Amino acid sequence: NSTLQANFSKAGKTFYFSIRTGRGKLDVFDERGETTLLPSASEIVLNLSPDDENLERGGYLISPEPESGWKYGEDEWYVNGNGIPSGQYGQYLFTYNDYSRYPDGSRFVYDFKADNPIKVTIQTGMWSNNSFSLYTHGDFRIGFSATGLSSGQQTREFSYGDRVTIYADGADYAVPGESDRWRYNYLRGFFTTRWQALDDLGEYSQTSAGSYSFTATKDITINIVFMPTIR
């Protein structure tokens, strides 16, 4: 990785531009994208003052350039942790308004979109006796389609940024030897493999079916947790 620092003034503010996800570099042009102001680098540091001549002319156009195997991601940068649409197909035009709006030391980061598929794995778990555990039996049905539920662990591949919805349904079945009693599986929720809640319906949930939606950004395994009960 390389960092390029440009000192345009002794006073003012410092702004950092970098790539957070993926491999590539940043190019810096004038506001029209015609003149290169700085060489390419993985991180750009701009030390600017209110009377910076490039700000007065229209600003700095920061352009992400991916290496082979990566594509442009969403048309959005993250500024101090908040998503900001660039409106420039991945390019960010840093203007005098940005200089005034953002405090000294602000960080602008960009994510490239990976070509590699993202794997989402779902598996069933159980909440019983005040604890979580994996449960591989066929009593619980899960899937990536509301009409294609089945038991057991399942994995499907998605592209970066895809919207993923997973489904779950508890199964009614007779308790062996007790024809008048049925086991009913309430849905507790959706959790990571460390049992961190993605969507927790609570231990008093009275629903047997549900779904959870998220955006695919990395490989993930999700535990879909049920609570068996007798009725």
Protein backbone atom coordinates (compact mmCIF):
# COMPACT_ATOMS: atom_id res chain seq x y z
CA ASN A 1 0.00 0.00 0.00
CA SER A 2 1.13 3.51 -0.62
CA THR A 3 0.15 6.82 0.88
CA LEU A 4 0.46 10.10 -0.93
CA GLN A 5 0.32 13.35 0.96
CA ALA A 6 -0.17 16.73 -0.63
CA ASN A 7 0.48 19.92 1.28
CA PHE A 8 -1.28 22.81 -0.39
CA SER A 9 -1.26 25.20 2.55
CA LYS A 10 0.23 25.65 5.99
CA ALA A 11 -3.19 26.17 7.57
CA GLY A 12 -6.61 24.62 7.21
CA LYS A 13 -7.88 21.05 7.48
CA THR A 14 -6.60 17.57 6.69
CA PHE A 15 -8.78 15.00 4.88
CA TYR A 16 -8.02 11.30 4.32
CA PHE A 17 -9.23 9.24 1.35
CA SER A 18 -8.62 5.49 1.22
CA ILE A 19 -9.88 2.11 0.01
CA ARG A 20 -11.40 -0.04 2.74
CA THR A 21 -12.44 -3.21 0.89
CA GLY A 22 -10.73 -4.66 -2.16
CA ARG A 23 -7.55 -3.85 -4.02
CA GLY A 24 -7.04 -0.73 -6.03
CA LYS A 25 -5.83 2.85 -5.97
CA LEU A 26 -7.20 6.36 -5.96
CA ASP A 27 -6.59 8.94 -8.66
CA VAL A 28 -7.00 12.66 -8.03
CA PHE A 29 -8.15 14.94 -10.85
CA ASP A 30 -9.41 18.46 -11.24
CA GLU A 31 -13.17 18.96 -11.05
CA ARG A 32 -13.62 18.05 -14.72
CA GLY A 33 -11.56 14.88 -14.48
CA GLU A 34 -9.17 16.17 -17.13
CA THR A 35 -5.99 17.07 -15.25
CA THR A 36 -4.21 14.72 -12.85
CA LEU A 37 -3.35 16.58 -9.66
CA LEU A 38 -1.63 13.75 -7.78
CA PRO A 39 -0.15 10.34 -8.63
CA SER A 40 -2.22 7.24 -7.86
CA ALA A 41 -2.04 5.91 -4.30
CA SER A 42 -3.99 3.62 -1.97
CA GLU A 43 -4.41 6.51 0.44
CA ILE A 44 -4.61 10.20 -0.35
CA VAL A 45 -4.05 12.87 2.30
CA LEU A 46 -5.15 16.39 1.42
CA ASN A 47 -4.02 19.30 3.58
CA LEU A 48 -6.24 22.15 2.43
CA SER A 49 -7.01 25.73 3.32
CA PRO A 50 -10.18 27.75 2.62
CA ASP A 51 -8.39 29.63 -0.16
CA ASP A 52 -7.03 26.51 -1.88
CA GLU A 53 -6.95 27.26 -5.59
CA ASN A 54 -8.36 23.89 -6.65
CA LEU A 55 -11.30 24.26 -4.28
CA GLU A 56 -11.95 27.68 -5.79
CA ARG A 57 -11.92 26.14 -9.28
CA GLY A 58 -14.47 23.47 -8.37
CA GLY A 59 -12.74 20.91 -6.18
CA TYR A 60 -10.89 17.59 -6.31
CA LEU A 61 -12.33 14.59 -8.15
CA ILE A 62 -11.30 11.42 -6.26
CA SER A 63 -11.58 8.42 -8.58
CA PRO A 64 -11.29 4.78 -7.36
CA GLU A 65 -9.42 2.52 -9.81
CA PRO A 66 -9.78 -1.23 -9.12
CA GLU A 67 -7.18 -3.87 -9.86
CA SER A 68 -8.12 -6.82 -12.06
CA GLY A 69 -10.75 -9.01 -10.46
CA TRP A 70 -12.63 -6.21 -8.76
CA LYS A 71 -15.56 -4.12 -9.88
CA TYR A 72 -16.97 -0.84 -8.74
CA GLY A 73 -19.21 -1.22 -5.73
CA GLU A 74 -22.18 0.92 -4.87
CA ASP A 75 -22.12 4.58 -5.85
CA GLU A 76 -21.36 5.48 -2.27
CA TRP A 77 -18.50 6.53 -0.03
CA TYR A 78 -18.38 6.30 3.74
CA VAL A 79 -17.47 9.56 5.43
CA ASN A 80 -16.61 9.23 9.10
CA GLY A 81 -18.64 6.00 9.11
CA ASN A 82 -21.73 7.35 7.35
CA GLY A 83 -22.75 6.34 3.83
CA ILE A 84 -22.76 9.29 1.42
CA PRO A 85 -23.89 8.89 -2.23
CA SER A 86 -21.22 10.30 -4.53
CA GLY A 87 -23.46 10.87 -7.54
CA GLN A 88 -20.43 10.29 -9.75
CA TYR A 89 -20.50 6.51 -10.42
CA GLY A 90 -18.01 5.86 -7.64
CA GLN A 91 -16.09 9.09 -8.03
CA TYR A 92 -16.25 11.69 -5.27
CA LEU A 93 -16.07 15.38 -6.10
CA PHE A 94 -14.68 17.08 -3.01
CA THR A 95 -15.82 20.70 -3.14
CA TYR A 96 -15.62 23.78 -0.96
CA ASN A 97 -18.94 22.72 0.58
CA ASP A 98 -17.31 19.46 1.71
CA TYR A 99 -14.38 21.42 3.11
CA SER A 100 -16.79 23.53 5.16
CA ARG A 101 -19.07 20.66 6.17
CA TYR A 102 -16.60 18.06 7.40
CA PRO A 103 -14.26 18.56 10.36
CA ASP A 104 -10.50 18.38 10.33
CA GLY A 105 -9.30 14.77 10.17
CA SER A 106 -12.39 13.42 8.39
CA ARG A 107 -11.94 10.07 6.64
CA PHE A 108 -13.47 9.12 3.30
CA VAL A 109 -13.39 5.40 2.46
CA TYR A 110 -14.56 3.41 -0.55
CA ASP A 111 -15.43 -0.29 -0.97
CA PHE A 112 -14.80 -2.20 -4.17
CA LYS A 113 -17.21 -4.93 -5.20
CA ALA A 114 -15.71 -8.42 -5.31
CA ASP A 115 -16.21 -10.82 -8.21
CA ASN A 116 -15.76 -13.76 -5.86
CA PRO A 117 -19.09 -15.26 -4.72
CA ILE A 118 -20.20 -14.87 -1.14
CA LYS A 119 -21.28 -18.03 0.67
CA VAL A 120 -24.23 -17.97 3.04
CA THR A 121 -24.77 -21.07 5.18
CA ILE A 122 -27.85 -21.68 7.31
CA GLN A 123 -28.28 -24.36 9.95
CA THR A 124 -30.70 -25.11 12.76
CA GLY A 125 -30.20 -24.52 16.44
CA MET A 126 -32.25 -25.02 19.58
CA TRP A 127 -32.97 -22.94 22.67
CA SER A 128 -33.62 -25.21 25.65
CA ASN A 129 -32.79 -25.12 29.36
CA ASN A 130 -31.67 -21.49 29.01
CA SER A 131 -28.92 -22.29 26.52
CA PHE A 132 -28.26 -22.44 22.79
CA SER A 133 -27.08 -25.52 20.91
CA LEU A 134 -26.93 -26.78 17.35
CA TYR A 135 -29.66 -29.22 16.38
CA THR A 136 -29.24 -31.32 13.23
CA HIS A 137 -32.42 -33.42 13.39
CA GLY A 138 -35.20 -33.04 10.86
CA ASP A 139 -37.80 -31.39 13.06
CA PHE A 140 -37.05 -27.86 11.82
CA ARG A 141 -37.36 -26.66 8.23
CA ILE A 142 -35.29 -23.84 6.76
CA GLY A 143 -34.35 -22.53 3.33
CA PHE A 144 -33.60 -19.67 0.96
CA SER A 145 -37.12 -19.81 -0.49
CA ALA A 146 -40.44 -19.75 1.32
CA THR A 147 -41.63 -22.64 -0.83
CA GLY A 148 -38.48 -24.75 -0.68
CA LEU A 149 -37.93 -25.47 3.00
CA SER A 150 -36.09 -28.57 4.17
CA SER A 151 -34.11 -29.82 7.13
CA GLY A 152 -30.35 -29.84 7.52
CA GLN A 153 -27.54 -27.42 6.77
CA GLN A 154 -27.76 -25.50 3.48
CA THR A 155 -25.33 -23.25 1.60
CA ARG A 156 -25.95 -20.90 -1.30
CA GLU A 157 -23.70 -18.47 -3.17
CA PHE A 158 -24.53 -14.81 -3.78
CA SER A 159 -22.87 -11.79 -5.35
CA TYR A 160 -21.63 -8.90 -3.24
CA GLY A 161 -24.51 -6.56 -2.48
CA ASP A 162 -27.26 -9.11 -3.18
CA ARG A 163 -30.30 -8.98 -0.93
CA VAL A 164 -30.68 -12.34 0.85
CA THR A 165 -33.78 -13.62 2.62
CA ILE A 166 -33.77 -16.83 4.66
CA TYR A 167 -36.90 -18.60 5.88
CA ALA A 168 -37.76 -20.87 8.78
CA ASP A 169 -40.78 -22.92 9.84
CA GLY A 170 -41.32 -25.13 12.87
CA ALA A 171 -42.93 -28.52 12.23
CA ASP A 172 -45.92 -29.96 14.04
CA TYR A 173 -45.54 -33.66 14.74
CA ALA A 174 -47.05 -36.24 17.07
CA VAL A 175 -45.22 -37.24 20.22
CA PRO A 176 -44.46 -40.97 19.92
CA GLY A 177 -46.87 -43.05 22.02
CA GLU A 178 -49.06 -40.06 22.84
CA SER A 179 -51.54 -39.60 20.00
CA ASP A 180 -53.24 -36.68 21.72
CA ARG A 181 -50.07 -34.65 22.20
CA TRP A 182 -48.05 -32.73 19.62
CA ARG A 183 -44.67 -31.08 19.66
CA TYR A 184 -44.68 -27.52 18.37
CA ASN A 185 -41.48 -25.65 17.52
CA TYR A 186 -41.57 -21.91 18.15
CA LEU A 187 -39.04 -19.75 16.33
CA ARG A 188 -36.57 -18.03 18.67
CA GLY A 189 -34.71 -16.12 15.97
CA PHE A 190 -31.62 -15.80 13.77
CA PHE A 191 -28.12 -15.78 15.27
CA THR A 192 -24.44 -15.86 14.33
CA THR A 193 -22.32 -18.91 15.14
CA ARG A 194 -21.29 -17.11 18.33
CA TRP A 195 -24.97 -16.78 19.22
CA GLN A 196 -25.02 -13.04 18.68
CA ALA A 197 -28.55 -11.99 17.76
CA LEU A 198 -29.32 -10.90 14.21
CA ASP A 199 -33.07 -10.99 14.86
CA ASP A 200 -34.12 -12.29 18.28
CA LEU A 201 -37.85 -12.89 18.76
CA GLY A 202 -37.30 -13.67 22.43
CA GLU A 203 -37.74 -16.75 24.58
CA TYR A 204 -41.48 -16.10 24.82
CA SER A 205 -42.00 -16.12 21.06
CA GLN A 206 -45.35 -17.56 20.00
CA THR A 207 -44.65 -17.80 16.28
CA SER A 208 -43.43 -20.89 14.46
CA ALA A 209 -42.37 -19.30 11.17
CA GLY A 210 -40.44 -16.25 10.06
CA SER A 211 -37.79 -14.78 7.79
CA TYR A 212 -34.69 -12.62 7.99
CA SER A 213 -33.25 -10.38 5.25
CA PHE A 214 -29.77 -8.87 4.90
CA THR A 215 -27.26 -7.68 2.32
CA ALA A 216 -24.48 -10.11 1.32
CA THR A 217 -21.08 -8.55 2.01
CA LYS A 218 -19.05 -11.49 3.38
CA ASP A 219 -19.22 -15.24 3.98
CA ILE A 220 -21.51 -15.97 6.90
CA THR A 221 -23.09 -18.89 8.75
CA ILE A 222 -26.43 -18.24 10.44
CA ASN A 223 -28.01 -20.36 13.16
CA ILE A 224 -31.81 -20.44 12.91
CA VAL A 225 -32.99 -21.24 16.42
CA PHE A 226 -36.22 -22.95 17.47
CA MET A 227 -37.76 -23.69 20.86
CA PRO A 228 -39.50 -27.08 21.12
CA THR A 229 -42.54 -27.30 23.34
CA ILE A 230 -45.32 -29.80 24.10
CA ARG A 231 -48.95 -28.88 23.68
